[in-house]
Protein backbone atom coordinates (compact mmCIF):
# COMPACT_ATOMS: atom_id res chain seq x y z
CA MET A 1 110.72 16.79 -111.95
CA LYS A 2 107.98 14.09 -113.22
CA ASN A 3 108.25 13.42 -116.75
CA ILE A 4 104.49 13.81 -117.85
CA ARG A 5 102.74 13.45 -121.32
CA LEU A 6 99.70 14.98 -122.41
CA TYR A 7 96.96 14.63 -125.17
CA GLN A 8 96.11 17.63 -126.72
CA ASN A 9 93.77 17.94 -129.83
CA LYS A 10 96.01 20.62 -131.75
CA VAL A 11 98.50 20.66 -134.49
CA PHE A 12 102.29 21.22 -133.39
CA LYS A 13 104.97 22.96 -135.15
CA VAL A 14 108.66 22.68 -133.98
CA GLY A 15 109.70 26.58 -132.89
CA GLY A 16 105.78 27.21 -132.58
CA GLU A 17 103.85 27.89 -129.54
CA ALA A 18 100.49 26.46 -128.38
CA VAL A 19 98.15 27.07 -125.62
CA LEU A 20 97.24 24.12 -123.54
CA ASP A 21 93.23 23.24 -122.69
CA LYS A 22 91.83 24.11 -119.54
CA GLU A 23 92.16 20.44 -118.38
CA ALA A 24 95.78 20.36 -119.06
CA GLN A 25 96.27 23.64 -117.75
CA HIS A 26 94.82 22.77 -114.44
CA HIS A 27 96.65 19.38 -114.24
CA LEU A 28 100.23 21.09 -114.72
CA LEU A 29 99.87 24.19 -112.60
CA LYS A 30 97.16 23.51 -109.89
CA VAL A 31 97.79 19.84 -109.27
CA LEU A 32 101.23 19.19 -110.23
CA ARG A 33 102.33 22.68 -109.91
CA PHE A 34 104.87 22.71 -112.68
CA PRO A 35 106.52 26.20 -113.06
CA ILE A 36 107.45 28.21 -116.33
CA GLY A 37 110.42 26.22 -117.83
CA SER A 38 109.35 22.99 -117.01
CA MET A 39 109.49 20.35 -119.90
CA ILE A 40 106.55 18.40 -120.90
CA THR A 41 105.79 15.85 -123.67
CA LEU A 42 102.62 16.49 -125.90
CA PHE A 43 101.11 14.35 -128.57
CA ASN A 44 98.14 14.68 -130.84
CA GLY A 45 97.67 11.23 -132.49
CA ASP A 46 99.90 11.76 -135.48
CA GLY A 47 102.21 9.04 -134.04
CA TYR A 48 105.04 11.58 -132.87
CA ASP A 49 105.78 12.84 -129.47
CA TYR A 50 106.57 16.73 -128.91
CA VAL A 51 108.78 18.15 -126.21
CA ALA A 52 107.73 21.19 -125.20
CA LYS A 53 108.54 23.97 -122.59
CA ILE A 54 106.21 25.85 -120.54
CA VAL A 55 107.06 29.61 -121.23
CA SER A 56 104.12 31.47 -119.93
CA VAL A 57 101.18 30.84 -117.27
CA LYS A 58 99.56 34.17 -117.38
CA ARG A 59 95.68 33.84 -118.31
CA ALA A 60 96.72 30.40 -120.22
CA CYS A 61 99.36 27.82 -119.99
CA LYS A 62 101.47 28.74 -123.28
CA VAL A 63 104.14 26.19 -124.32
CA GLU A 64 106.92 26.19 -126.80
CA VAL A 65 107.38 23.28 -128.98
CA ASN A 66 111.28 22.21 -129.06
CA THR A 67 111.52 18.80 -130.63
CA LYS A 68 109.68 16.42 -132.67
CA LYS A 69 110.37 12.65 -132.39
CA GLU A 70 108.49 9.66 -133.99
CA ASN A 71 107.17 7.26 -131.40
CA ASN A 72 107.48 3.54 -132.22
CA SER A 73 105.30 1.92 -129.46
CA GLU A 74 102.68 0.54 -131.48
CA SER A 75 102.02 -3.00 -131.81
CA SER A 76 102.00 -4.70 -135.32
CA LEU A 77 98.69 -6.20 -134.86
CA ASP A 78 95.71 -3.98 -135.70
CA LEU A 79 93.20 -5.12 -133.08
CA THR A 80 89.58 -4.01 -132.54
CA LEU A 81 87.75 -4.85 -129.37
CA ALA A 82 83.95 -5.35 -129.74
CA GLN A 83 83.05 -5.34 -125.99
CA GLY A 84 79.39 -5.91 -124.54
CA ILE A 85 78.90 -3.05 -122.18
CA ALA A 86 79.88 -4.24 -118.58
CA LYS A 87 78.42 -2.32 -115.53
CA GLY A 88 79.69 0.57 -113.66
CA GLU A 89 83.68 0.85 -113.37
CA LYS A 90 84.24 -2.45 -114.96
CA MET A 91 83.82 -0.90 -118.33
CA ASP A 92 86.29 2.05 -117.49
CA LEU A 93 88.59 -0.47 -116.35
CA LEU A 94 88.32 -2.47 -119.41
CA ILE A 95 88.85 0.50 -121.66
CA GLN A 96 91.80 1.77 -119.73
CA LYS A 97 93.50 -1.72 -119.71
CA ALA A 98 92.56 -2.41 -123.41
CA VAL A 99 94.25 0.86 -124.57
CA GLU A 100 97.16 -0.14 -122.44
CA LEU A 101 97.42 -3.54 -123.96
CA GLY A 102 97.71 -1.87 -127.58
CA VAL A 103 93.96 -2.16 -128.93
CA ASN A 104 93.27 -0.01 -131.79
CA ARG A 105 89.82 0.74 -131.57
CA ILE A 106 86.92 -0.34 -129.04
CA ILE A 107 83.20 -0.71 -129.97
CA PRO A 108 80.91 -1.05 -127.16
CA LEU A 109 78.02 -3.32 -127.61
CA GLN A 110 74.69 -3.65 -126.51
CA THR A 111 73.75 -7.14 -126.40
CA GLU A 112 70.90 -9.41 -124.99
CA ARG A 113 72.40 -9.74 -121.24
CA CYS A 114 73.62 -6.15 -121.25
CA VAL A 115 72.66 -4.66 -117.71
CA VAL A 116 73.29 -1.36 -118.72
CA ARG A 117 70.97 0.27 -121.40
CA LEU A 118 72.13 3.54 -122.61
CA LYS A 119 69.70 5.75 -124.60
CA GLY A 120 69.58 9.24 -126.03
CA GLU A 121 71.95 11.77 -124.24
CA LYS A 122 73.38 9.24 -122.15
CA ILE A 123 75.01 7.52 -124.86
CA ALA A 124 77.12 10.60 -126.19
CA LYS A 125 77.88 11.38 -122.47
CA ARG A 126 79.31 7.98 -121.80
CA ILE A 127 81.06 7.87 -125.01
CA GLU A 128 82.64 11.03 -124.13
CA HIS A 129 83.63 9.69 -120.62
CA TRP A 130 85.02 6.40 -122.31
CA GLN A 131 87.26 8.27 -125.08
CA LYS A 132 88.45 10.60 -122.24
CA ILE A 133 89.62 7.33 -120.23
CA ALA A 134 91.17 6.18 -123.72
CA HIS A 135 93.10 9.47 -124.08
CA HIS A 136 94.67 9.32 -120.59
CA ALA A 137 95.56 5.76 -121.16
CA CYS A 138 97.29 6.55 -124.37
CA ALA A 139 99.36 9.10 -122.56
CA GLN A 140 100.14 6.99 -119.38
CA SER A 141 101.25 3.93 -121.65
CA GLY A 142 103.45 5.91 -124.15
CA ARG A 143 101.20 5.56 -127.26
CA ALA A 144 101.29 8.26 -129.64
CA VAL A 145 98.02 7.52 -131.53
CA ILE A 146 94.50 7.96 -130.48
CA VAL A 147 92.42 4.67 -129.80
CA GLU A 148 89.07 5.54 -130.63
CA VAL A 149 85.71 4.56 -128.90
CA ASP A 150 83.08 4.14 -131.38
CA THR A 151 79.72 4.77 -130.75
CA GLN A 152 77.53 2.22 -129.28
CA LYS A 153 76.44 -0.52 -131.78
CA THR A 154 74.09 -3.44 -131.57
CA LEU A 155 75.37 -6.99 -132.57
CA SER A 156 73.64 -6.77 -135.87
CA GLU A 157 75.20 -3.42 -136.55
CA LEU A 158 78.57 -4.92 -135.85
CA LEU A 159 78.08 -8.21 -137.92
CA SER A 160 76.59 -6.24 -140.99
CA VAL A 161 80.22 -5.01 -141.78
CA LYS A 162 82.32 -7.74 -142.79
CA ALA A 163 85.29 -8.01 -139.98
CA PRO A 164 88.59 -9.63 -141.25
CA ASN A 165 89.65 -12.22 -138.82
CA GLY A 166 86.80 -11.91 -136.43
CA PHE A 167 86.91 -13.99 -133.04
CA VAL A 168 84.44 -14.67 -130.70
CA LEU A 169 85.04 -15.93 -126.91
CA HIS A 170 82.86 -19.11 -126.36
CA HIS A 171 83.49 -21.47 -123.55
CA GLN A 172 82.34 -24.31 -125.66
CA ALA A 173 84.78 -23.67 -128.33
CA THR A 174 87.41 -26.15 -129.48
CA ASN A 175 90.12 -23.97 -131.12
CA LYS A 176 92.45 -21.89 -128.87
CA LEU A 177 94.22 -18.82 -130.05
CA SER A 178 97.61 -20.75 -130.32
CA ASP A 179 95.76 -22.90 -133.11
CA ILE A 180 94.81 -20.09 -135.15
CA LYS A 181 97.22 -18.91 -138.24
CA PRO A 182 99.02 -15.51 -137.15
CA THR A 183 97.49 -12.31 -138.63
CA SER A 184 98.10 -8.60 -138.55
CA ILE A 185 94.28 -7.84 -138.41
CA ALA A 186 91.77 -8.99 -135.96
CA THR A 187 88.55 -8.10 -134.07
CA ILE A 188 87.75 -9.96 -130.84
CA LEU A 189 84.23 -9.99 -129.80
CA ILE A 190 83.32 -10.39 -126.17
CA GLY A 191 80.23 -10.45 -124.06
CA PRO A 192 79.18 -8.76 -120.99
CA GLU A 193 78.37 -10.17 -117.52
CA GLY A 194 76.65 -13.58 -118.44
CA GLY A 195 78.31 -13.81 -121.93
CA LEU A 196 76.70 -13.80 -125.43
CA SER A 197 73.69 -15.86 -125.71
CA ASP A 198 73.47 -19.14 -127.76
CA GLN A 199 71.60 -17.22 -130.52
CA GLU A 200 74.32 -14.29 -130.55
CA ILE A 201 77.13 -16.81 -130.98
CA GLU A 202 75.32 -18.56 -133.88
CA LEU A 203 74.96 -15.01 -135.52
CA ALA A 204 78.56 -14.25 -135.02
CA ASN A 205 79.59 -17.63 -136.41
CA GLY A 206 77.34 -16.88 -139.20
CA ALA A 207 78.95 -13.77 -139.87
CA GLY A 208 82.51 -15.41 -140.34
CA PHE A 209 83.54 -15.05 -136.46
CA GLN A 210 85.34 -18.25 -135.38
CA SER A 211 84.88 -19.18 -131.80
CA ILE A 212 87.86 -19.67 -129.52
CA LEU A 213 88.31 -20.86 -125.99
CA LEU A 214 90.57 -19.09 -123.50
CA GLY A 215 90.81 -22.10 -121.18
CA LYS A 216 89.03 -24.44 -118.86
CA ARG A 217 87.95 -21.70 -116.47
CA VAL A 218 85.00 -19.13 -116.68
CA LEU A 219 86.40 -15.53 -116.57
CA ARG A 220 84.71 -12.51 -115.89
CA THR A 221 84.10 -10.36 -118.84
CA GLU A 222 86.63 -7.88 -117.66
CA THR A 223 89.35 -10.62 -117.13
CA ALA A 224 88.42 -12.40 -120.58
CA SER A 225 88.93 -9.36 -122.40
CA LEU A 226 92.32 -8.56 -120.94
CA VAL A 227 93.30 -11.87 -121.05
CA ALA A 228 92.45 -12.29 -124.61
CA ILE A 229 94.10 -9.22 -126.09
CA ALA A 230 97.28 -10.02 -123.81
CA ASN A 231 97.37 -13.48 -125.63
CA MET A 232 96.81 -12.12 -129.15
CA GLN A 233 99.43 -9.28 -128.93
CA LEU A 234 102.11 -11.97 -127.66
CA LEU A 235 101.15 -14.55 -130.19
CA TRP A 236 100.48 -11.89 -133.31
CA GLY A 237 101.71 -8.70 -132.31
CA SER A 238 104.16 -6.85 -130.05
């Protein structure tokens, strides 16, 4: 039977029981049709995997936690992605793949050239949507921590808090990632479609963000983000 991992916002105790949330119940019982006695893996973001057995499906799906095991899948690089909000499914893809590649937090940014303009209730709904994508990506990629999708920020709000080892992608930069001294914590700033404006680059540089070049070719925002993260993990992380 398929080995499945599920995120649950619950505290687990070996030998104890837990009731799964409605989304997990539907997925296990209606989509995958797991019977009583099936074994699943649960995580809640505390760094451990919990192996549990389905013991009841009456009214709710109840599991018994059998074992607890430390999960050592995290990178040694503490990486924050500050991403200019991209259109439509591009942002969904960005968040999913960034989580799979090992980022620790994601900050959606409203910048000059963002086509998407979120206001009011739409912001909260979109953040909730992106957070759910991050949860599923953590489960799929074997991570036992939760990657937080922060609330939408402006560039000024981001830069008002000093980020250790901040980097910003810029096609006119001279330094490459391979030229940078290895670090264990970093923030990468990437613009939306159309990139960051010259003024935004200047603001980032003034706040201590170092401009870096990924290569000679111009990349789409979703490509640039994932290439940058993968290279940073290769050079400085796992």
